[in-house]
Amino acid sequence: MDVVTDLTSTPPAVTLADPDDLKSFKVLGRAPSPEPEGLARALEGVGTLADDGHAFIDVEAVLRLAGDRAKDPAWREGFYGMIAYARSKGWMDRSGTAIQAHVEWTS
């Protein structure tokens, strides 16, 4: 699943793409060129951008972005399985409430 952050729109849009792909998780920044500061602003209320360029996306924000899909018990079970796997790999923030994601840029 991808947290898509479209910095070409005003205001920047944050959506969730491929919510059924529970085997990958990344932030996809859409901009003519990488804009870390713009991405950090766009992610306010959804997550944060770390100094190393990774993002930490709040688990509750992913559930909000998933919309009705998050109401499906089977989907939630799979999602929380993904979170447990991320936790086992050390891919959660210190509080355990945000999942680490690498950032990819596209125009």
N, C-alpha and C. Protein backbone atom coordinates (compact mmCIF):
# COMPACT_ATOMS: atom_id res chain seq x y z
N MET A 1 0.85 -1.17 0.00
CA MET A 1 0.00 0.00 0.00
C MET A 1 0.89 1.23 0.00
N ASP A 2 0.40 2.27 -0.61
CA ASP A 2 1.16 3.51 -0.73
C ASP A 2 0.38 4.68 -0.14
N VAL A 3 1.05 5.48 0.66
CA VAL A 3 0.49 6.75 1.09
C VAL A 3 0.94 7.74 0.03
N VAL A 4 0.01 8.15 -0.82
CA VAL A 4 0.33 9.02 -1.95
C VAL A 4 0.13 10.46 -1.51
N THR A 5 1.18 11.23 -1.64
CA THR A 5 1.15 12.65 -1.27
C THR A 5 1.40 13.45 -2.53
N ASP A 6 0.33 14.08 -3.03
CA ASP A 6 0.41 14.82 -4.29
C ASP A 6 0.69 16.29 -3.99
N LEU A 7 1.96 16.67 -4.14
CA LEU A 7 2.36 18.05 -3.88
C LEU A 7 2.07 18.96 -5.06
N THR A 8 1.54 18.41 -6.16
CA THR A 8 1.21 19.24 -7.32
C THR A 8 -0.19 19.82 -7.19
N SER A 9 -0.98 19.35 -6.23
CA SER A 9 -2.32 19.88 -6.02
C SER A 9 -2.31 20.91 -4.89
N THR A 10 -3.31 21.79 -4.91
CA THR A 10 -3.43 22.81 -3.88
C THR A 10 -4.79 22.69 -3.23
N PRO A 11 -4.84 22.37 -1.94
CA PRO A 11 -3.73 21.98 -1.07
C PRO A 11 -3.24 20.58 -1.45
N PRO A 12 -2.05 20.21 -0.99
CA PRO A 12 -1.54 18.87 -1.30
C PRO A 12 -2.50 17.80 -0.80
N ALA A 13 -2.72 16.80 -1.63
CA ALA A 13 -3.64 15.72 -1.29
C ALA A 13 -2.87 14.52 -0.75
N VAL A 14 -3.42 13.88 0.26
CA VAL A 14 -2.85 12.65 0.82
C VAL A 14 -3.92 11.58 0.71
N THR A 15 -3.62 10.50 -0.02
CA THR A 15 -4.55 9.41 -0.23
C THR A 15 -3.83 8.09 0.01
N LEU A 16 -4.61 7.02 0.02
CA LEU A 16 -4.05 5.68 0.18
C LEU A 16 -4.32 4.90 -1.09
N ALA A 17 -3.27 4.41 -1.73
CA ALA A 17 -3.40 3.59 -2.93
C ALA A 17 -3.08 2.15 -2.60
N ASP A 18 -3.72 1.24 -3.29
CA ASP A 18 -3.50 -0.20 -3.11
C ASP A 18 -3.64 -0.66 -1.66
N PRO A 19 -4.77 -0.33 -1.01
CA PRO A 19 -4.90 -0.72 0.40
C PRO A 19 -4.89 -2.23 0.63
N ASP A 20 -5.14 -3.01 -0.42
CA ASP A 20 -5.13 -4.47 -0.25
C ASP A 20 -3.73 -5.07 -0.36
N ASP A 21 -2.75 -4.27 -0.74
CA ASP A 21 -1.37 -4.75 -0.80
C ASP A 21 -0.76 -4.60 0.59
N LEU A 22 -0.89 -5.63 1.38
CA LEU A 22 -0.42 -5.59 2.76
C LEU A 22 1.00 -6.14 2.89
N LYS A 23 1.70 -6.26 1.77
CA LYS A 23 3.07 -6.77 1.77
C LYS A 23 4.10 -5.66 1.57
N SER A 24 3.64 -4.46 1.26
CA SER A 24 4.58 -3.34 1.09
C SER A 24 3.93 -2.08 1.65
N PHE A 25 4.78 -1.14 2.01
CA PHE A 25 4.29 0.11 2.58
C PHE A 25 5.31 1.20 2.27
N LYS A 26 4.86 2.23 1.58
CA LYS A 26 5.76 3.34 1.28
C LYS A 26 4.97 4.62 1.14
N VAL A 27 5.70 5.73 1.16
CA VAL A 27 5.13 7.04 0.86
C VAL A 27 5.59 7.39 -0.54
N LEU A 28 4.65 7.75 -1.38
CA LEU A 28 4.94 8.15 -2.74
C LEU A 28 4.70 9.65 -2.84
N GLY A 29 5.76 10.41 -3.03
CA GLY A 29 5.65 11.86 -3.15
C GLY A 29 5.58 12.25 -4.62
N ARG A 30 4.49 12.90 -5.01
CA ARG A 30 4.35 13.37 -6.38
C ARG A 30 4.71 14.85 -6.42
N ALA A 31 5.77 15.14 -7.18
CA ALA A 31 6.25 16.52 -7.33
C ALA A 31 7.21 16.54 -8.51
N PRO A 32 7.40 17.70 -9.15
CA PRO A 32 8.34 17.78 -10.26
C PRO A 32 9.77 17.41 -9.84
N SER A 33 10.11 17.68 -8.61
CA SER A 33 11.40 17.30 -8.05
C SER A 33 11.18 17.07 -6.55
N PRO A 34 12.06 16.31 -5.89
CA PRO A 34 11.87 16.05 -4.46
C PRO A 34 11.72 17.34 -3.65
N GLU A 35 10.72 17.38 -2.80
CA GLU A 35 10.43 18.53 -1.94
C GLU A 35 10.20 18.05 -0.51
N PRO A 36 11.27 17.70 0.21
CA PRO A 36 11.09 17.19 1.57
C PRO A 36 10.30 18.13 2.49
N GLU A 37 10.53 19.42 2.38
CA GLU A 37 9.81 20.36 3.26
C GLU A 37 8.32 20.36 2.96
N GLY A 38 7.97 20.33 1.66
CA GLY A 38 6.57 20.28 1.27
C GLY A 38 5.93 18.97 1.69
N LEU A 39 6.67 17.88 1.59
CA LEU A 39 6.16 16.59 2.02
C LEU A 39 5.89 16.59 3.52
N ALA A 40 6.81 17.14 4.29
CA ALA A 40 6.63 17.20 5.75
C ALA A 40 5.37 17.98 6.10
N ARG A 41 5.14 19.10 5.42
CA ARG A 41 3.93 19.90 5.68
C ARG A 41 2.68 19.12 5.28
N ALA A 42 2.72 18.47 4.13
CA ALA A 42 1.56 17.72 3.65
C ALA A 42 1.20 16.56 4.57
N LEU A 43 2.18 15.98 5.22
CA LEU A 43 1.95 14.83 6.09
C LEU A 43 1.45 15.22 7.49
N GLU A 44 1.37 16.51 7.79
CA GLU A 44 0.88 16.92 9.11
C GLU A 44 -0.49 16.31 9.36
N GLY A 45 -0.65 15.67 10.50
CA GLY A 45 -1.90 14.99 10.84
C GLY A 45 -1.95 13.56 10.35
N VAL A 46 -0.97 13.16 9.54
CA VAL A 46 -0.90 11.81 9.01
C VAL A 46 0.38 11.12 9.48
N GLY A 47 1.45 11.88 9.51
CA GLY A 47 2.73 11.33 9.91
C GLY A 47 3.79 12.40 9.93
N THR A 48 5.03 11.96 10.05
CA THR A 48 6.15 12.89 10.11
C THR A 48 7.25 12.40 9.17
N LEU A 49 8.11 13.31 8.80
CA LEU A 49 9.27 12.98 7.99
C LEU A 49 10.49 13.02 8.90
N ALA A 50 11.23 11.91 8.91
CA ALA A 50 12.42 11.81 9.76
C ALA A 50 13.61 12.49 9.09
N ASP A 51 14.62 12.80 9.88
CA ASP A 51 15.82 13.45 9.35
C ASP A 51 16.52 12.62 8.28
N ASP A 52 16.38 11.29 8.35
CA ASP A 52 17.06 10.43 7.36
C ASP A 52 16.26 10.28 6.06
N GLY A 53 15.10 10.96 5.97
CA GLY A 53 14.30 10.91 4.75
C GLY A 53 13.17 9.91 4.77
N HIS A 54 13.15 9.01 5.77
CA HIS A 54 12.03 8.09 5.91
C HIS A 54 10.84 8.85 6.50
N ALA A 55 9.68 8.28 6.33
CA ALA A 55 8.48 8.84 6.95
C ALA A 55 7.97 7.87 8.00
N PHE A 56 7.29 8.39 8.99
CA PHE A 56 6.58 7.58 9.97
C PHE A 56 5.11 7.97 9.87
N ILE A 57 4.29 7.01 9.47
CA ILE A 57 2.87 7.25 9.23
C ILE A 57 2.07 6.65 10.38
N ASP A 58 1.21 7.45 10.96
CA ASP A 58 0.40 7.04 12.09
C ASP A 58 -0.56 5.91 11.68
N VAL A 59 -0.59 4.84 12.46
CA VAL A 59 -1.45 3.70 12.18
C VAL A 59 -2.91 4.14 12.06
N GLU A 60 -3.34 5.00 12.96
CA GLU A 60 -4.73 5.47 12.92
C GLU A 60 -5.00 6.28 11.65
N ALA A 61 -4.01 7.00 11.16
CA ALA A 61 -4.18 7.76 9.91
C ALA A 61 -4.35 6.80 8.73
N VAL A 62 -3.62 5.69 8.73
CA VAL A 62 -3.80 4.71 7.66
C VAL A 62 -5.22 4.17 7.68
N LEU A 63 -5.73 3.89 8.86
CA LEU A 63 -7.11 3.40 8.97
C LEU A 63 -8.10 4.44 8.45
N ARG A 64 -7.88 5.71 8.75
CA ARG A 64 -8.75 6.78 8.23
C ARG A 64 -8.67 6.83 6.71
N LEU A 65 -7.45 6.79 6.19
CA LEU A 65 -7.27 6.88 4.74
C LEU A 65 -7.85 5.66 4.02
N ALA A 66 -7.90 4.52 4.68
CA ALA A 66 -8.46 3.31 4.07
C ALA A 66 -9.98 3.38 3.95
N GLY A 67 -10.61 4.29 4.67
CA GLY A 67 -12.05 4.49 4.56
C GLY A 67 -12.84 3.23 4.89
N ASP A 68 -13.81 2.92 4.03
CA ASP A 68 -14.68 1.77 4.27
C ASP A 68 -13.92 0.45 4.28
N ARG A 69 -12.79 0.40 3.59
CA ARG A 69 -12.01 -0.84 3.54
C ARG A 69 -11.59 -1.25 4.96
N ALA A 70 -11.32 -0.26 5.80
CA ALA A 70 -10.88 -0.54 7.17
C ALA A 70 -11.98 -1.12 8.04
N LYS A 71 -13.22 -1.10 7.55
CA LYS A 71 -14.33 -1.69 8.31
C LYS A 71 -14.44 -3.20 8.10
N ASP A 72 -13.74 -3.72 7.11
CA ASP A 72 -13.77 -5.15 6.80
C ASP A 72 -12.89 -5.89 7.80
N PRO A 73 -13.47 -6.81 8.59
CA PRO A 73 -12.69 -7.53 9.60
C PRO A 73 -11.49 -8.28 9.02
N ALA A 74 -11.64 -8.86 7.84
CA ALA A 74 -10.52 -9.59 7.23
C ALA A 74 -9.40 -8.63 6.85
N TRP A 75 -9.77 -7.46 6.33
CA TRP A 75 -8.75 -6.47 5.98
C TRP A 75 -8.02 -6.00 7.24
N ARG A 76 -8.78 -5.69 8.28
CA ARG A 76 -8.16 -5.23 9.54
C ARG A 76 -7.21 -6.28 10.11
N GLU A 77 -7.61 -7.54 10.04
CA GLU A 77 -6.74 -8.61 10.52
C GLU A 77 -5.44 -8.62 9.73
N GLY A 78 -5.53 -8.51 8.42
CA GLY A 78 -4.34 -8.46 7.58
C GLY A 78 -3.49 -7.24 7.85
N PHE A 79 -4.15 -6.10 8.04
CA PHE A 79 -3.44 -4.85 8.32
C PHE A 79 -2.68 -4.95 9.64
N TYR A 80 -3.34 -5.45 10.68
CA TYR A 80 -2.66 -5.57 11.96
C TYR A 80 -1.57 -6.64 11.92
N GLY A 81 -1.71 -7.62 11.04
CA GLY A 81 -0.62 -8.56 10.81
C GLY A 81 0.58 -7.86 10.20
N MET A 82 0.32 -6.93 9.27
CA MET A 82 1.39 -6.14 8.67
C MET A 82 2.08 -5.29 9.73
N ILE A 83 1.29 -4.70 10.62
CA ILE A 83 1.85 -3.88 11.70
C ILE A 83 2.70 -4.75 12.63
N ALA A 84 2.24 -5.94 12.96
CA ALA A 84 3.01 -6.84 13.82
C ALA A 84 4.34 -7.21 13.15
N TYR A 85 4.30 -7.45 11.86
CA TYR A 85 5.54 -7.77 11.13
C TYR A 85 6.49 -6.57 11.18
N ALA A 86 5.95 -5.38 10.93
CA ALA A 86 6.79 -4.17 10.98
C ALA A 86 7.40 -4.00 12.37
N ARG A 87 6.62 -4.25 13.39
CA ARG A 87 7.12 -4.14 14.77
C ARG A 87 8.26 -5.14 14.99
N SER A 88 8.11 -6.35 14.47
CA SER A 88 9.15 -7.38 14.67
C SER A 88 10.45 -7.01 13.96
N LYS A 89 10.37 -6.16 12.94
CA LYS A 89 11.55 -5.75 12.18
C LYS A 89 12.12 -4.41 12.68
N GLY A 90 11.45 -3.80 13.67
CA GLY A 90 11.92 -2.52 14.18
C GLY A 90 11.51 -1.35 13.30
N TRP A 91 10.44 -1.52 12.54
CA TRP A 91 9.98 -0.49 11.62
C TRP A 91 8.82 0.33 12.17
N MET A 92 8.76 0.47 13.48
CA MET A 92 7.75 1.31 14.12
C MET A 92 8.49 2.41 14.88
N ASP A 93 7.79 3.51 15.14
CA ASP A 93 8.42 4.56 15.93
C ASP A 93 8.51 4.11 17.39
N ARG A 94 9.14 4.91 18.20
CA ARG A 94 9.37 4.54 19.61
C ARG A 94 8.08 4.30 20.37
N SER A 95 7.03 5.06 20.01
CA SER A 95 5.75 4.90 20.72
C SER A 95 4.97 3.69 20.23
N GLY A 96 5.37 3.14 19.08
CA GLY A 96 4.66 1.99 18.53
C GLY A 96 3.37 2.35 17.82
N THR A 97 3.16 3.64 17.54
CA THR A 97 1.91 4.06 16.92
C THR A 97 2.07 4.51 15.47
N ALA A 98 3.29 4.50 14.95
CA ALA A 98 3.53 4.92 13.57
C ALA A 98 4.49 3.96 12.89
N ILE A 99 4.18 3.63 11.65
CA ILE A 99 4.96 2.67 10.89
C ILE A 99 5.94 3.41 9.97
N GLN A 100 7.15 2.92 9.93
CA GLN A 100 8.18 3.52 9.08
C GLN A 100 7.91 3.20 7.61
N ALA A 101 8.15 4.16 6.76
CA ALA A 101 7.97 3.97 5.32
C ALA A 101 9.10 4.67 4.59
N HIS A 102 9.60 4.02 3.54
CA HIS A 102 10.56 4.74 2.72
C HIS A 102 9.78 5.67 1.79
N VAL A 103 10.44 6.70 1.32
CA VAL A 103 9.81 7.70 0.47
C VAL A 103 10.35 7.54 -0.94
N GLU A 104 9.46 7.47 -1.90
CA GLU A 104 9.83 7.47 -3.31
C GLU A 104 9.21 8.69 -3.95
N TRP A 105 9.94 9.28 -4.88
CA TRP A 105 9.47 10.48 -5.57
C TRP A 105 9.12 10.16 -7.02
N THR A 106 8.06 10.75 -7.50
CA THR A 106 7.64 10.62 -8.89
C THR A 106 7.05 11.96 -9.34
N SER A 107 7.09 12.19 -10.63
CA SER A 107 6.53 13.47 -11.13
C SER A 107 5.14 13.25 -11.68
